[in-house]
Amino acid sequence: QVQLVESGGGLVQAGDSLRLSCAASGLTFSRYAMGWFRQAPGKEREFVAANRFSGNMPYYADSLKGRFTISRDNAANTVYLQMNALKAEDTAVYYCAAGRPFPSSGISRGNQYDYWGQGTQVTVSS
């Protein structure tokens, strides 16, 4: 049974940093693309960042480049999202997702991912 468990969310002030973690089990982690998505109240889920397999080629939502960094530790079956200079508009539930190999053109599409975590709340006060 595949499980993705996010942690690290919380309430922070604008300008602070947070590091989210997603621990995976029940799958061969190194063979999966791992992504982060987020959903703010009243908004659709949106892509945040992802990397494929070795993690050498990260992908980011254009609006988040430079502030967010995705990384993965295949030995620990964990993917991370380092978020810096947080803004109020970053407030959302953050989800990690795992997907079997698919073309990189689909890296930002949620329907390309097979498994999802339960999400962790990030709240940024201004």
N, C-alpha and C. Protein backbone atom coordinates (compact mmCIF):
# COMPACT_ATOMS: atom_id res chain seq x y z
N GLN A 1 0.85 -1.19 0.00
CA GLN A 1 0.00 0.00 0.00
C GLN A 1 0.89 1.24 0.00
N VAL A 2 0.66 2.11 -0.97
CA VAL A 2 1.46 3.32 -1.08
C VAL A 2 0.94 4.37 -0.10
N GLN A 3 1.87 4.98 0.60
CA GLN A 3 1.51 6.08 1.49
C GLN A 3 2.47 7.24 1.27
N LEU A 4 1.92 8.42 1.23
CA LEU A 4 2.69 9.66 1.18
C LEU A 4 2.25 10.50 2.37
N VAL A 5 3.18 10.86 3.20
CA VAL A 5 2.85 11.59 4.42
C VAL A 5 3.64 12.89 4.45
N GLU A 6 2.90 13.99 4.35
CA GLU A 6 3.53 15.31 4.40
C GLU A 6 3.66 15.80 5.83
N SER A 7 4.65 16.62 6.05
CA SER A 7 4.84 17.25 7.36
C SER A 7 5.59 18.56 7.16
N GLY A 8 5.60 19.38 8.21
CA GLY A 8 6.36 20.61 8.17
C GLY A 8 5.55 21.88 7.97
N GLY A 9 4.26 21.74 7.75
CA GLY A 9 3.44 22.92 7.59
C GLY A 9 3.24 23.65 8.91
N GLY A 10 2.64 24.82 8.83
CA GLY A 10 2.39 25.57 10.04
C GLY A 10 2.01 27.01 9.75
N LEU A 11 1.98 27.78 10.81
CA LEU A 11 1.66 29.21 10.72
C LEU A 11 2.95 30.00 10.85
N VAL A 12 3.23 30.81 9.85
CA VAL A 12 4.43 31.64 9.85
C VAL A 12 4.07 33.05 9.42
N GLN A 13 5.04 33.95 9.58
CA GLN A 13 4.84 35.32 9.14
C GLN A 13 5.44 35.51 7.76
N ALA A 14 4.93 36.51 7.08
CA ALA A 14 5.47 36.84 5.76
C ALA A 14 6.98 37.08 5.86
N GLY A 15 7.71 36.51 4.92
CA GLY A 15 9.15 36.62 4.91
C GLY A 15 9.87 35.44 5.53
N ASP A 16 9.14 34.64 6.29
CA ASP A 16 9.73 33.46 6.92
C ASP A 16 9.94 32.34 5.91
N SER A 17 10.57 31.28 6.38
CA SER A 17 10.81 30.09 5.58
C SER A 17 10.18 28.87 6.24
N LEU A 18 9.87 27.90 5.42
CA LEU A 18 9.39 26.61 5.89
C LEU A 18 9.98 25.52 5.00
N ARG A 19 10.15 24.37 5.59
CA ARG A 19 10.58 23.22 4.81
C ARG A 19 9.56 22.11 5.01
N LEU A 20 8.93 21.73 3.91
CA LEU A 20 7.99 20.63 3.93
C LEU A 20 8.70 19.33 3.58
N SER A 21 8.24 18.26 4.17
CA SER A 21 8.76 16.93 3.87
C SER A 21 7.62 16.03 3.46
N CYS A 22 7.92 15.07 2.64
CA CYS A 22 6.95 14.06 2.24
C CYS A 22 7.66 12.71 2.26
N ALA A 23 7.26 11.88 3.19
CA ALA A 23 7.85 10.55 3.31
C ALA A 23 6.98 9.54 2.57
N ALA A 24 7.60 8.79 1.70
CA ALA A 24 6.89 7.82 0.88
C ALA A 24 7.19 6.40 1.34
N SER A 25 6.20 5.54 1.22
CA SER A 25 6.39 4.12 1.51
C SER A 25 5.50 3.32 0.58
N GLY A 26 5.89 2.06 0.40
CA GLY A 26 5.09 1.17 -0.44
C GLY A 26 5.33 1.29 -1.92
N LEU A 27 6.38 2.00 -2.30
CA LEU A 27 6.71 2.12 -3.72
C LEU A 27 8.22 2.19 -3.87
N THR A 28 8.68 1.95 -5.07
CA THR A 28 10.11 2.08 -5.37
C THR A 28 10.36 3.54 -5.68
N PHE A 29 10.73 4.26 -4.66
CA PHE A 29 10.73 5.72 -4.69
C PHE A 29 11.54 6.28 -5.85
N SER A 30 12.69 5.71 -6.09
CA SER A 30 13.57 6.28 -7.11
C SER A 30 13.00 6.18 -8.52
N ARG A 31 11.97 5.38 -8.69
CA ARG A 31 11.37 5.21 -10.01
C ARG A 31 10.18 6.14 -10.24
N TYR A 32 9.88 6.96 -9.26
CA TYR A 32 8.71 7.82 -9.35
C TYR A 32 9.12 9.29 -9.45
N ALA A 33 8.40 9.99 -10.29
CA ALA A 33 8.47 11.44 -10.25
C ALA A 33 7.72 11.91 -9.01
N MET A 34 8.25 12.91 -8.35
CA MET A 34 7.63 13.44 -7.14
C MET A 34 7.30 14.92 -7.35
N GLY A 35 6.09 15.27 -6.99
CA GLY A 35 5.67 16.65 -7.19
C GLY A 35 5.02 17.23 -5.96
N TRP A 36 5.01 18.55 -5.92
CA TRP A 36 4.28 19.30 -4.90
C TRP A 36 3.22 20.15 -5.61
N PHE A 37 2.03 20.12 -5.06
CA PHE A 37 0.93 20.93 -5.52
C PHE A 37 0.35 21.67 -4.32
N ARG A 38 -0.45 22.67 -4.58
CA ARG A 38 -1.10 23.36 -3.47
C ARG A 38 -2.49 23.81 -3.88
N GLN A 39 -3.33 23.97 -2.88
CA GLN A 39 -4.69 24.44 -3.12
C GLN A 39 -5.08 25.42 -2.04
N ALA A 40 -5.35 26.63 -2.46
CA ALA A 40 -5.81 27.68 -1.56
C ALA A 40 -7.33 27.65 -1.50
N PRO A 41 -7.91 28.17 -0.42
CA PRO A 41 -9.37 28.18 -0.30
C PRO A 41 -10.03 28.87 -1.48
N GLY A 42 -11.00 28.19 -2.06
CA GLY A 42 -11.74 28.77 -3.17
C GLY A 42 -11.02 28.77 -4.50
N LYS A 43 -9.84 28.15 -4.54
CA LYS A 43 -9.06 28.13 -5.78
C LYS A 43 -8.81 26.69 -6.21
N GLU A 44 -8.44 26.55 -7.47
CA GLU A 44 -8.10 25.24 -7.98
C GLU A 44 -6.70 24.84 -7.51
N ARG A 45 -6.49 23.56 -7.51
CA ARG A 45 -5.16 23.05 -7.19
C ARG A 45 -4.17 23.52 -8.26
N GLU A 46 -2.98 23.89 -7.81
CA GLU A 46 -1.98 24.35 -8.76
C GLU A 46 -0.64 23.66 -8.51
N PHE A 47 0.09 23.55 -9.58
CA PHE A 47 1.42 22.94 -9.54
C PHE A 47 2.40 23.88 -8.84
N VAL A 48 3.26 23.27 -8.03
CA VAL A 48 4.30 24.05 -7.35
C VAL A 48 5.68 23.67 -7.88
N ALA A 49 6.03 22.41 -7.76
CA ALA A 49 7.36 21.97 -8.16
C ALA A 49 7.36 20.45 -8.30
N ALA A 50 8.35 19.94 -9.03
CA ALA A 50 8.48 18.49 -9.18
C ALA A 50 9.88 18.15 -9.61
N ASN A 51 10.27 16.94 -9.35
CA ASN A 51 11.47 16.43 -9.99
C ASN A 51 11.28 14.95 -10.31
N ARG A 52 12.07 14.52 -11.23
CA ARG A 52 11.91 13.18 -11.77
C ARG A 52 13.08 12.32 -11.35
N PHE A 53 12.79 11.23 -10.63
CA PHE A 53 13.75 10.18 -10.41
C PHE A 53 14.98 10.64 -9.62
N SER A 54 16.05 11.02 -10.31
CA SER A 54 17.26 11.37 -9.59
C SER A 54 17.21 12.75 -8.97
N GLY A 55 16.27 13.56 -9.41
CA GLY A 55 16.16 14.90 -8.87
C GLY A 55 17.07 15.91 -9.50
N ASN A 56 17.76 15.52 -10.55
CA ASN A 56 18.70 16.45 -11.17
C ASN A 56 18.03 17.49 -12.05
N MET A 57 16.77 17.25 -12.36
CA MET A 57 16.07 18.20 -13.22
C MET A 57 14.79 18.64 -12.54
N PRO A 58 14.86 19.65 -11.69
CA PRO A 58 13.65 20.15 -11.05
C PRO A 58 12.83 21.02 -11.99
N TYR A 59 11.56 21.05 -11.73
CA TYR A 59 10.63 21.89 -12.47
C TYR A 59 9.86 22.73 -11.45
N TYR A 60 9.60 23.97 -11.81
CA TYR A 60 8.91 24.87 -10.91
C TYR A 60 7.83 25.64 -11.66
N ALA A 61 6.80 25.99 -10.91
CA ALA A 61 5.86 26.97 -11.44
C ALA A 61 6.63 28.27 -11.63
N ASP A 62 6.40 28.91 -12.74
CA ASP A 62 7.18 30.11 -13.08
C ASP A 62 7.12 31.15 -11.96
N SER A 63 5.97 31.29 -11.34
CA SER A 63 5.80 32.34 -10.33
C SER A 63 6.56 32.04 -9.04
N LEU A 64 7.04 30.80 -8.89
CA LEU A 64 7.68 30.41 -7.64
C LEU A 64 9.19 30.22 -7.78
N LYS A 65 9.68 30.29 -8.98
CA LYS A 65 11.12 30.12 -9.19
C LYS A 65 11.90 31.15 -8.38
N GLY A 66 12.95 30.66 -7.73
CA GLY A 66 13.78 31.56 -6.94
C GLY A 66 13.42 31.59 -5.47
N ARG A 67 12.19 31.22 -5.14
CA ARG A 67 11.79 31.20 -3.73
C ARG A 67 11.65 29.78 -3.19
N PHE A 68 11.20 28.86 -4.06
CA PHE A 68 10.96 27.49 -3.64
C PHE A 68 12.01 26.57 -4.27
N THR A 69 12.41 25.57 -3.50
CA THR A 69 13.37 24.59 -3.98
C THR A 69 12.90 23.20 -3.63
N ILE A 70 12.83 22.34 -4.62
CA ILE A 70 12.47 20.95 -4.39
C ILE A 70 13.73 20.10 -4.40
N SER A 71 13.75 19.13 -3.52
CA SER A 71 14.87 18.19 -3.49
C SER A 71 14.34 16.84 -3.04
N ARG A 72 15.13 15.82 -3.28
CA ARG A 72 14.70 14.49 -2.88
C ARG A 72 15.88 13.69 -2.39
N ASP A 73 15.60 12.80 -1.48
CA ASP A 73 16.60 11.88 -0.95
C ASP A 73 16.07 10.48 -1.23
N ASN A 74 16.57 9.88 -2.28
CA ASN A 74 16.06 8.57 -2.67
C ASN A 74 16.38 7.49 -1.64
N ALA A 75 17.45 7.67 -0.90
CA ALA A 75 17.80 6.70 0.13
C ALA A 75 16.82 6.76 1.30
N ALA A 76 16.26 7.93 1.52
CA ALA A 76 15.32 8.12 2.63
C ALA A 76 13.87 8.11 2.17
N ASN A 77 13.65 7.91 0.87
CA ASN A 77 12.29 7.91 0.31
C ASN A 77 11.53 9.18 0.68
N THR A 78 12.20 10.29 0.57
CA THR A 78 11.61 11.55 1.01
C THR A 78 11.87 12.65 -0.01
N VAL A 79 10.85 13.45 -0.22
CA VAL A 79 10.99 14.64 -1.06
C VAL A 79 10.72 15.86 -0.17
N TYR A 80 11.45 16.93 -0.45
CA TYR A 80 11.36 18.13 0.35
C TYR A 80 10.95 19.33 -0.51
N LEU A 81 10.37 20.29 0.16
CA LEU A 81 10.09 21.57 -0.49
C LEU A 81 10.53 22.67 0.46
N GLN A 82 11.60 23.34 0.10
CA GLN A 82 12.08 24.48 0.87
C GLN A 82 11.41 25.72 0.33
N MET A 83 10.73 26.44 1.22
CA MET A 83 10.00 27.64 0.82
C MET A 83 10.56 28.84 1.56
N ASN A 84 11.06 29.79 0.83
CA ASN A 84 11.66 30.98 1.41
C ASN A 84 10.85 32.23 1.06
N ALA A 85 11.08 33.27 1.84
CA ALA A 85 10.41 34.56 1.59
C ALA A 85 8.92 34.36 1.37
N LEU A 86 8.30 33.66 2.29
CA LEU A 86 6.88 33.32 2.11
C LEU A 86 6.01 34.56 2.11
N LYS A 87 4.95 34.46 1.32
CA LYS A 87 4.00 35.55 1.18
C LYS A 87 2.61 35.07 1.60
N ALA A 88 1.75 36.00 1.89
CA ALA A 88 0.39 35.63 2.28
C ALA A 88 -0.28 34.78 1.21
N GLU A 89 0.02 35.07 -0.04
CA GLU A 89 -0.61 34.31 -1.14
C GLU A 89 -0.08 32.88 -1.27
N ASP A 90 0.93 32.53 -0.47
CA ASP A 90 1.40 31.14 -0.44
C ASP A 90 0.55 30.29 0.50
N THR A 91 -0.37 30.90 1.21
CA THR A 91 -1.24 30.16 2.11
C THR A 91 -2.08 29.16 1.33
N ALA A 92 -1.99 27.90 1.73
CA ALA A 92 -2.67 26.82 1.02
C ALA A 92 -2.42 25.51 1.74
N VAL A 93 -3.14 24.50 1.31
CA VAL A 93 -2.80 23.13 1.69
C VAL A 93 -1.83 22.61 0.63
N TYR A 94 -0.71 22.10 1.08
CA TYR A 94 0.32 21.60 0.18
C TYR A 94 0.27 20.08 0.16
N TYR A 95 0.25 19.54 -1.06
CA TYR A 95 0.17 18.11 -1.25
C TYR A 95 1.40 17.61 -1.99
N CYS A 96 1.89 16.45 -1.60
CA CYS A 96 2.89 15.83 -2.44
C CYS A 96 2.23 14.70 -3.23
N ALA A 97 2.82 14.38 -4.34
CA ALA A 97 2.27 13.39 -5.24
C ALA A 97 3.38 12.58 -5.88
N ALA A 98 3.07 11.34 -6.20
CA ALA A 98 4.03 10.46 -6.84
C ALA A 98 3.45 9.93 -8.14
N GLY A 99 4.27 9.91 -9.18
CA GLY A 99 3.79 9.44 -10.47
C GLY A 99 4.77 8.51 -11.13
N ARG A 100 4.25 7.46 -11.74
CA ARG A 100 5.09 6.56 -12.53
C ARG A 100 5.64 7.34 -13.73
N PRO A 101 6.66 6.82 -14.36
CA PRO A 101 7.27 7.58 -15.46
C PRO A 101 6.27 8.09 -16.49
N PHE A 102 6.40 9.38 -16.81
CA PHE A 102 5.58 10.00 -17.82
C PHE A 102 6.41 11.09 -18.46
N PRO A 103 6.03 11.54 -19.65
CA PRO A 103 6.82 12.59 -20.31
C PRO A 103 6.94 13.83 -19.46
N SER A 104 8.07 14.48 -19.55
CA SER A 104 8.29 15.69 -18.75
C SER A 104 7.28 16.78 -19.08
N SER A 105 6.68 16.70 -20.26
CA SER A 105 5.67 17.70 -20.63
C SER A 105 4.47 17.65 -19.71
N GLY A 106 4.30 16.54 -19.01
CA GLY A 106 3.16 16.40 -18.11
C GLY A 106 3.48 16.65 -16.66
N ILE A 107 4.69 17.13 -16.37
CA ILE A 107 5.17 17.22 -14.99
C ILE A 107 4.30 18.12 -14.13
N SER A 108 3.63 19.07 -14.71
CA SER A 108 2.83 20.00 -13.91
C SER A 108 1.35 19.62 -13.86
N ARG A 109 1.01 18.52 -14.46
CA ARG A 109 -0.41 18.12 -14.52
C ARG A 109 -0.71 17.13 -13.42
N GLY A 110 -1.65 17.47 -12.59
CA GLY A 110 -2.00 16.60 -11.48
C GLY A 110 -2.48 15.24 -11.90
N ASN A 111 -3.12 15.15 -13.05
CA ASN A 111 -3.67 13.86 -13.48
C ASN A 111 -2.59 12.90 -13.94
N GLN A 112 -1.33 13.33 -13.99
CA GLN A 112 -0.23 12.44 -14.32
C GLN A 112 0.29 11.68 -13.11
N TYR A 113 -0.16 12.08 -11.94
CA TYR A 113 0.35 11.48 -10.71
C TYR A 113 -0.62 10.42 -10.19
N ASP A 114 -0.06 9.37 -9.66
CA ASP A 114 -0.85 8.22 -9.24
C ASP A 114 -1.24 8.24 -7.78
N TYR A 115 -0.41 8.82 -6.95
CA TYR A 115 -0.64 8.77 -5.51
C TYR A 115 -0.49 10.17 -4.92
N TRP A 116 -1.29 10.43 -3.88
CA TRP A 116 -1.31 11.74 -3.24
C TRP A 116 -1.27 11.59 -1.73
N GLY A 117 -0.63 12.56 -1.10
CA GLY A 117 -0.67 12.62 0.35
C GLY A 117 -1.93 13.32 0.82
N GLN A 118 -2.06 13.43 2.13
CA GLN A 118 -3.26 14.02 2.72
C GLN A 118 -3.16 15.53 2.82
N GLY A 119 -1.97 16.07 2.62
CA GLY A 119 -1.78 17.50 2.62
C GLY A 119 -1.34 18.04 3.97
N THR A 120 -0.65 19.17 3.92
CA THR A 120 -0.24 19.86 5.13
C THR A 120 -0.54 21.35 4.93
N GLN A 121 -1.10 21.96 5.96
CA GLN A 121 -1.54 23.35 5.86
C GLN A 121 -0.36 24.29 6.08
N VAL A 122 -0.25 25.25 5.19
CA VAL A 122 0.72 26.33 5.34
C VAL A 122 -0.07 27.63 5.38
N THR A 123 0.10 28.38 6.45
CA THR A 123 -0.58 29.65 6.60
C THR A 123 0.45 30.74 6.83
N VAL A 124 0.41 31.75 5.98
CA VAL A 124 1.37 32.85 6.07
C VAL A 124 0.60 34.11 6.42
N SER A 125 0.92 34.68 7.56
CA SER A 125 0.25 35.90 7.98
C SER A 125 1.04 37.11 7.51
N SER A 126 0.31 38.12 7.08
CA SER A 126 0.98 39.32 6.55
C SER A 126 1.14 40.38 7.62
